[in-house]
Amino acid sequence: MLELIKKMIGDKKEYREQMARVEALPEDYRFVFKKIQGYMWNFAGGDGSDMLKTQYELIELFEASAEDGRHVLDVTGEDVVGFCDELLRDTKVWTDNFRQKLNRDIMNKFGREKDSK
C-alpha cells in the first residue's frame, strides 16, 4: 500500500512539472497541447502512467519545435486527431482490454487460438 501511495505522489509531482513546462510554451502550442491532452486522457488505461509518458514525449516535441520556430500545425498536421491517434499507438489505453476480450471470445467460440501478432 505504501508503494502505491509513493507512486501516486510521484505521478502527481511529475504531472505538475509537465504542466509547468506546458505553461512556458507559446500560446498556440499551449492551446493545441491542452486540446490534445483532453483527447488523449479520454483513453488513459490502467493507472495512467503510460499516458504520462506519452504526454512527456509530446511536451518534448512541442518544446523543440517551438524553439525551432515551427508553427504548431506544421508539427501536428491539419489532422490533429490523426496525429493524436498515432501518438497513442503504443500507449496502453482502456479499450485494449475490450479489444482483447472480443477477439478472445470469438476465437474461443470457434476453437481457434488468437495469433499473438
N, C-alpha and C. Protein backbone atom coordinates (compact mmCIF):
# COMPACT_ATOMS: atom_id res chain seq x y z
N MET A 1 0.82 -1.19 0.00
CA MET A 1 0.00 0.00 0.00
C MET A 1 0.87 1.26 0.00
N LEU A 2 1.95 1.21 0.78
CA LEU A 2 2.85 2.36 0.85
C LEU A 2 3.48 2.65 -0.51
N GLU A 3 3.82 1.59 -1.25
CA GLU A 3 4.40 1.76 -2.59
C GLU A 3 3.42 2.45 -3.53
N LEU A 4 2.16 2.07 -3.44
CA LEU A 4 1.13 2.68 -4.27
C LEU A 4 0.99 4.17 -3.97
N ILE A 5 1.02 4.51 -2.70
CA ILE A 5 0.92 5.92 -2.30
C ILE A 5 2.12 6.70 -2.81
N LYS A 6 3.31 6.11 -2.68
CA LYS A 6 4.52 6.77 -3.18
C LYS A 6 4.44 7.00 -4.69
N LYS A 7 3.94 5.99 -5.40
CA LYS A 7 3.81 6.12 -6.86
C LYS A 7 2.82 7.22 -7.21
N MET A 8 1.70 7.27 -6.52
CA MET A 8 0.69 8.29 -6.79
C MET A 8 1.26 9.68 -6.54
N ILE A 9 2.00 9.84 -5.46
CA ILE A 9 2.62 11.14 -5.15
C ILE A 9 3.64 11.50 -6.22
N GLY A 10 4.44 10.52 -6.64
CA GLY A 10 5.44 10.77 -7.69
C GLY A 10 4.79 11.13 -9.01
N ASP A 11 3.70 10.42 -9.36
CA ASP A 11 3.00 10.73 -10.61
C ASP A 11 2.39 12.13 -10.57
N LYS A 12 1.84 12.49 -9.43
CA LYS A 12 1.23 13.82 -9.30
C LYS A 12 2.30 14.91 -9.43
N LYS A 13 3.46 14.67 -8.84
CA LYS A 13 4.56 15.63 -8.94
C LYS A 13 5.02 15.75 -10.39
N GLU A 14 5.16 14.60 -11.06
CA GLU A 14 5.59 14.61 -12.47
C GLU A 14 4.57 15.37 -13.32
N TYR A 15 3.29 15.14 -13.07
CA TYR A 15 2.25 15.82 -13.83
C TYR A 15 2.34 17.33 -13.63
N ARG A 16 2.51 17.79 -12.39
CA ARG A 16 2.64 19.23 -12.13
C ARG A 16 3.85 19.82 -12.83
N GLU A 17 4.96 19.09 -12.83
CA GLU A 17 6.16 19.56 -13.51
C GLU A 17 5.92 19.66 -15.02
N GLN A 18 5.23 18.69 -15.58
CA GLN A 18 4.91 18.73 -17.00
C GLN A 18 4.03 19.93 -17.32
N MET A 19 3.04 20.19 -16.49
CA MET A 19 2.13 21.31 -16.75
C MET A 19 2.85 22.65 -16.63
N ALA A 20 3.85 22.73 -15.79
CA ALA A 20 4.66 23.96 -15.70
C ALA A 20 5.41 24.16 -17.02
N ARG A 21 5.90 23.09 -17.60
CA ARG A 21 6.59 23.19 -18.88
C ARG A 21 5.62 23.62 -19.99
N VAL A 22 4.40 23.10 -19.93
CA VAL A 22 3.40 23.48 -20.93
C VAL A 22 3.10 24.97 -20.84
N GLU A 23 3.00 25.49 -19.64
CA GLU A 23 2.71 26.92 -19.45
C GLU A 23 3.81 27.81 -20.03
N ALA A 24 5.01 27.27 -20.18
CA ALA A 24 6.12 28.03 -20.75
C ALA A 24 6.12 28.01 -22.28
N LEU A 25 5.27 27.18 -22.88
CA LEU A 25 5.19 27.11 -24.35
C LEU A 25 4.49 28.36 -24.90
N PRO A 26 4.74 28.67 -26.17
CA PRO A 26 3.99 29.76 -26.82
C PRO A 26 2.49 29.45 -26.79
N GLU A 27 1.68 30.49 -26.86
CA GLU A 27 0.22 30.36 -26.69
C GLU A 27 -0.40 29.35 -27.66
N ASP A 28 -0.01 29.35 -28.94
CA ASP A 28 -0.57 28.41 -29.90
C ASP A 28 -0.27 26.97 -29.51
N TYR A 29 0.94 26.72 -29.06
CA TYR A 29 1.33 25.37 -28.62
C TYR A 29 0.55 24.97 -27.37
N ARG A 30 0.38 25.89 -26.44
CA ARG A 30 -0.40 25.59 -25.22
C ARG A 30 -1.83 25.20 -25.58
N PHE A 31 -2.44 25.99 -26.48
CA PHE A 31 -3.81 25.72 -26.89
C PHE A 31 -3.94 24.32 -27.48
N VAL A 32 -3.06 24.00 -28.44
CA VAL A 32 -3.12 22.70 -29.10
C VAL A 32 -2.79 21.58 -28.11
N PHE A 33 -1.80 21.81 -27.25
CA PHE A 33 -1.46 20.79 -26.25
C PHE A 33 -2.66 20.46 -25.38
N LYS A 34 -3.34 21.48 -24.89
CA LYS A 34 -4.47 21.25 -23.98
C LYS A 34 -5.62 20.53 -24.69
N LYS A 35 -5.83 20.82 -25.96
CA LYS A 35 -6.85 20.10 -26.74
C LYS A 35 -6.45 18.64 -26.92
N ILE A 36 -5.18 18.41 -27.27
CA ILE A 36 -4.69 17.05 -27.43
C ILE A 36 -4.74 16.31 -26.10
N GLN A 37 -4.34 16.96 -25.05
CA GLN A 37 -4.35 16.35 -23.72
C GLN A 37 -5.77 15.89 -23.34
N GLY A 38 -6.76 16.74 -23.58
CA GLY A 38 -8.14 16.37 -23.28
C GLY A 38 -8.57 15.15 -24.07
N TYR A 39 -8.16 15.07 -25.31
CA TYR A 39 -8.48 13.92 -26.16
C TYR A 39 -7.77 12.67 -25.65
N MET A 40 -6.46 12.78 -25.41
CA MET A 40 -5.66 11.63 -25.00
C MET A 40 -6.14 11.00 -23.70
N TRP A 41 -6.40 11.84 -22.72
CA TRP A 41 -6.74 11.31 -21.39
C TRP A 41 -8.10 10.61 -21.39
N ASN A 42 -8.92 10.81 -22.41
CA ASN A 42 -10.16 10.04 -22.51
C ASN A 42 -9.88 8.56 -22.71
N PHE A 43 -8.69 8.23 -23.17
CA PHE A 43 -8.34 6.86 -23.48
C PHE A 43 -7.36 6.24 -22.48
N ALA A 44 -7.00 6.98 -21.44
CA ALA A 44 -5.99 6.50 -20.48
C ALA A 44 -6.38 5.14 -19.92
N GLY A 45 -5.42 4.25 -19.90
CA GLY A 45 -5.64 2.92 -19.36
C GLY A 45 -4.85 2.71 -18.09
N GLY A 46 -5.26 1.74 -17.31
CA GLY A 46 -4.53 1.41 -16.09
C GLY A 46 -4.45 2.58 -15.14
N ASP A 47 -3.26 2.81 -14.62
CA ASP A 47 -3.08 3.89 -13.64
C ASP A 47 -2.71 5.22 -14.29
N GLY A 48 -2.64 5.26 -15.61
CA GLY A 48 -2.34 6.49 -16.32
C GLY A 48 -0.87 6.76 -16.53
N SER A 49 -0.01 5.89 -16.01
CA SER A 49 1.43 6.15 -16.14
C SER A 49 1.90 6.11 -17.59
N ASP A 50 1.28 5.25 -18.41
CA ASP A 50 1.62 5.23 -19.84
C ASP A 50 1.27 6.56 -20.49
N MET A 51 0.14 7.12 -20.07
CA MET A 51 -0.29 8.38 -20.65
C MET A 51 0.64 9.52 -20.22
N LEU A 52 1.15 9.47 -18.99
CA LEU A 52 2.12 10.48 -18.55
C LEU A 52 3.36 10.44 -19.43
N LYS A 53 3.80 9.23 -19.79
CA LYS A 53 4.98 9.09 -20.65
C LYS A 53 4.70 9.68 -22.03
N THR A 54 3.53 9.39 -22.58
CA THR A 54 3.16 9.92 -23.89
C THR A 54 3.05 11.44 -23.84
N GLN A 55 2.47 11.95 -22.78
CA GLN A 55 2.33 13.39 -22.60
C GLN A 55 3.71 14.04 -22.52
N TYR A 56 4.63 13.41 -21.80
CA TYR A 56 6.01 13.91 -21.69
C TYR A 56 6.65 14.01 -23.08
N GLU A 57 6.46 12.97 -23.88
CA GLU A 57 7.04 12.96 -25.24
C GLU A 57 6.45 14.08 -26.09
N LEU A 58 5.16 14.34 -25.94
CA LEU A 58 4.52 15.43 -26.67
C LEU A 58 5.09 16.78 -26.24
N ILE A 59 5.29 16.96 -24.95
CA ILE A 59 5.88 18.21 -24.46
C ILE A 59 7.28 18.40 -25.03
N GLU A 60 8.07 17.34 -25.02
CA GLU A 60 9.42 17.41 -25.59
C GLU A 60 9.36 17.84 -27.06
N LEU A 61 8.47 17.22 -27.82
CA LEU A 61 8.31 17.55 -29.24
C LEU A 61 7.90 19.01 -29.41
N PHE A 62 6.93 19.45 -28.64
CA PHE A 62 6.45 20.83 -28.76
C PHE A 62 7.52 21.83 -28.33
N GLU A 63 8.26 21.54 -27.29
CA GLU A 63 9.32 22.45 -26.86
C GLU A 63 10.37 22.61 -27.95
N ALA A 64 10.82 21.49 -28.52
CA ALA A 64 11.85 21.53 -29.56
C ALA A 64 11.33 22.25 -30.81
N SER A 65 10.09 21.98 -31.17
CA SER A 65 9.52 22.60 -32.37
C SER A 65 9.31 24.10 -32.19
N ALA A 66 8.87 24.50 -31.02
CA ALA A 66 8.69 25.92 -30.74
C ALA A 66 10.04 26.63 -30.76
N GLU A 67 11.04 25.97 -30.19
CA GLU A 67 12.38 26.55 -30.17
C GLU A 67 12.92 26.72 -31.59
N ASP A 68 12.56 25.82 -32.49
CA ASP A 68 12.99 25.90 -33.89
C ASP A 68 12.16 26.91 -34.68
N GLY A 69 11.14 27.48 -34.05
CA GLY A 69 10.31 28.48 -34.72
C GLY A 69 9.25 27.91 -35.63
N ARG A 70 8.95 26.62 -35.48
CA ARG A 70 7.94 25.98 -36.33
C ARG A 70 6.54 26.31 -35.81
N HIS A 71 5.59 26.45 -36.72
CA HIS A 71 4.20 26.64 -36.32
C HIS A 71 3.68 25.29 -35.82
N VAL A 72 2.82 25.32 -34.83
CA VAL A 72 2.34 24.09 -34.20
C VAL A 72 1.65 23.17 -35.21
N LEU A 73 0.93 23.71 -36.17
CA LEU A 73 0.26 22.86 -37.16
C LEU A 73 1.24 22.25 -38.17
N ASP A 74 2.45 22.82 -38.27
CA ASP A 74 3.49 22.18 -39.07
C ASP A 74 3.99 20.92 -38.37
N VAL A 75 3.80 20.85 -37.06
CA VAL A 75 4.22 19.69 -36.27
C VAL A 75 3.13 18.62 -36.28
N THR A 76 1.90 19.03 -36.01
CA THR A 76 0.80 18.06 -35.89
C THR A 76 0.16 17.72 -37.23
N GLY A 77 0.26 18.62 -38.19
CA GLY A 77 -0.51 18.50 -39.41
C GLY A 77 -1.92 19.00 -39.15
N GLU A 78 -2.71 19.11 -40.19
CA GLU A 78 -4.07 19.62 -40.02
C GLU A 78 -5.03 18.57 -39.48
N ASP A 79 -4.67 17.29 -39.58
CA ASP A 79 -5.47 16.22 -38.99
C ASP A 79 -4.91 15.94 -37.59
N VAL A 80 -5.30 16.78 -36.66
CA VAL A 80 -4.75 16.68 -35.30
C VAL A 80 -5.21 15.39 -34.63
N VAL A 81 -6.42 14.93 -34.90
CA VAL A 81 -6.89 13.66 -34.34
C VAL A 81 -6.04 12.50 -34.85
N GLY A 82 -5.70 12.52 -36.14
CA GLY A 82 -4.81 11.50 -36.69
C GLY A 82 -3.45 11.53 -36.01
N PHE A 83 -2.95 12.75 -35.76
CA PHE A 83 -1.69 12.91 -35.04
C PHE A 83 -1.81 12.29 -33.65
N CYS A 84 -2.91 12.57 -32.96
CA CYS A 84 -3.14 12.01 -31.62
C CYS A 84 -3.19 10.49 -31.64
N ASP A 85 -3.93 9.95 -32.60
CA ASP A 85 -4.05 8.50 -32.68
C ASP A 85 -2.69 7.84 -32.92
N GLU A 86 -1.88 8.47 -33.75
CA GLU A 86 -0.53 7.95 -33.98
C GLU A 86 0.31 8.05 -32.70
N LEU A 87 0.16 9.15 -31.99
CA LEU A 87 0.87 9.36 -30.73
C LEU A 87 0.49 8.28 -29.72
N LEU A 88 -0.76 7.87 -29.73
CA LEU A 88 -1.26 6.88 -28.77
C LEU A 88 -1.04 5.43 -29.21
N ARG A 89 -0.50 5.24 -30.39
CA ARG A 89 -0.36 3.90 -30.95
C ARG A 89 0.25 2.89 -29.97
N ASP A 90 1.31 3.24 -29.28
CA ASP A 90 2.00 2.32 -28.37
C ASP A 90 1.69 2.58 -26.90
N THR A 91 0.65 3.35 -26.66
CA THR A 91 0.25 3.69 -25.29
C THR A 91 -0.89 2.79 -24.86
N LYS A 92 -0.81 2.28 -23.64
CA LYS A 92 -1.89 1.44 -23.12
C LYS A 92 -3.13 2.31 -22.92
N VAL A 93 -4.22 1.90 -23.56
CA VAL A 93 -5.48 2.64 -23.44
C VAL A 93 -6.56 1.72 -22.88
N TRP A 94 -7.60 2.29 -22.34
CA TRP A 94 -8.63 1.50 -21.66
C TRP A 94 -9.36 0.56 -22.59
N THR A 95 -9.39 0.84 -23.88
CA THR A 95 -10.10 -0.03 -24.82
C THR A 95 -9.31 -1.30 -25.15
N ASP A 96 -8.03 -1.36 -24.79
CA ASP A 96 -7.22 -2.55 -25.07
C ASP A 96 -7.85 -3.81 -24.51
N ASN A 97 -8.32 -3.76 -23.27
CA ASN A 97 -8.92 -4.94 -22.64
C ASN A 97 -10.16 -5.39 -23.39
N PHE A 98 -10.98 -4.44 -23.83
CA PHE A 98 -12.19 -4.79 -24.57
C PHE A 98 -11.85 -5.43 -25.92
N ARG A 99 -10.86 -4.90 -26.59
CA ARG A 99 -10.44 -5.46 -27.88
C ARG A 99 -9.94 -6.90 -27.70
N GLN A 100 -9.08 -7.08 -26.70
CA GLN A 100 -8.53 -8.41 -26.46
C GLN A 100 -9.62 -9.41 -26.09
N LYS A 101 -10.56 -9.00 -25.26
CA LYS A 101 -11.65 -9.88 -24.84
C LYS A 101 -12.54 -10.25 -26.02
N LEU A 102 -12.87 -9.28 -26.86
CA LEU A 102 -13.70 -9.56 -28.02
C LEU A 102 -13.04 -10.60 -28.92
N ASN A 103 -11.78 -10.38 -29.26
CA ASN A 103 -11.06 -11.33 -30.11
C ASN A 103 -10.96 -12.71 -29.45
N ARG A 104 -10.65 -12.74 -28.17
CA ARG A 104 -10.51 -14.00 -27.44
C ARG A 104 -11.83 -14.76 -27.41
N ASP A 105 -12.92 -14.06 -27.11
CA ASP A 105 -14.23 -14.70 -27.05
C ASP A 105 -14.63 -15.30 -28.39
N ILE A 106 -14.39 -14.58 -29.46
CA ILE A 106 -14.76 -15.08 -30.79
C ILE A 106 -13.88 -16.27 -31.18
N MET A 107 -12.59 -16.18 -30.94
CA MET A 107 -11.69 -17.28 -31.27
C MET A 107 -12.02 -18.51 -30.44
N ASN A 108 -12.36 -18.32 -29.16
CA ASN A 108 -12.72 -19.44 -28.30
C ASN A 108 -14.00 -20.11 -28.80
N LYS A 109 -14.95 -19.34 -29.26
CA LYS A 109 -16.21 -19.87 -29.77
C LYS A 109 -15.98 -20.83 -30.93
N PHE A 110 -15.01 -20.49 -31.76
CA PHE A 110 -14.75 -21.31 -32.95
C PHE A 110 -13.55 -22.23 -32.78
N GLY A 111 -13.06 -22.37 -31.55
CA GLY A 111 -11.97 -23.30 -31.26
C GLY A 111 -10.65 -22.94 -31.87
N ARG A 112 -10.44 -21.68 -32.07
CA ARG A 112 -9.16 -21.23 -32.65
C ARG A 112 -8.44 -20.37 -31.62
N GLU A 113 -7.13 -20.46 -31.66
CA GLU A 113 -6.33 -19.60 -30.79
C GLU A 113 -5.98 -18.34 -31.55
N LYS A 114 -6.06 -17.22 -30.86
CA LYS A 114 -5.75 -15.93 -31.47
C LYS A 114 -4.25 -15.83 -31.67
N ASP A 115 -3.84 -15.36 -32.87
CA ASP A 115 -2.43 -15.10 -33.14
C ASP A 115 -1.91 -14.08 -32.16
N SER A 116 -0.64 -14.13 -31.84
CA SER A 116 -0.04 -13.17 -30.91
C SER A 116 0.57 -12.00 -31.64
N LYS A 117 0.00 -11.64 -32.80
CA LYS A 117 0.52 -10.52 -33.60
C LYS A 117 0.14 -9.22 -32.98
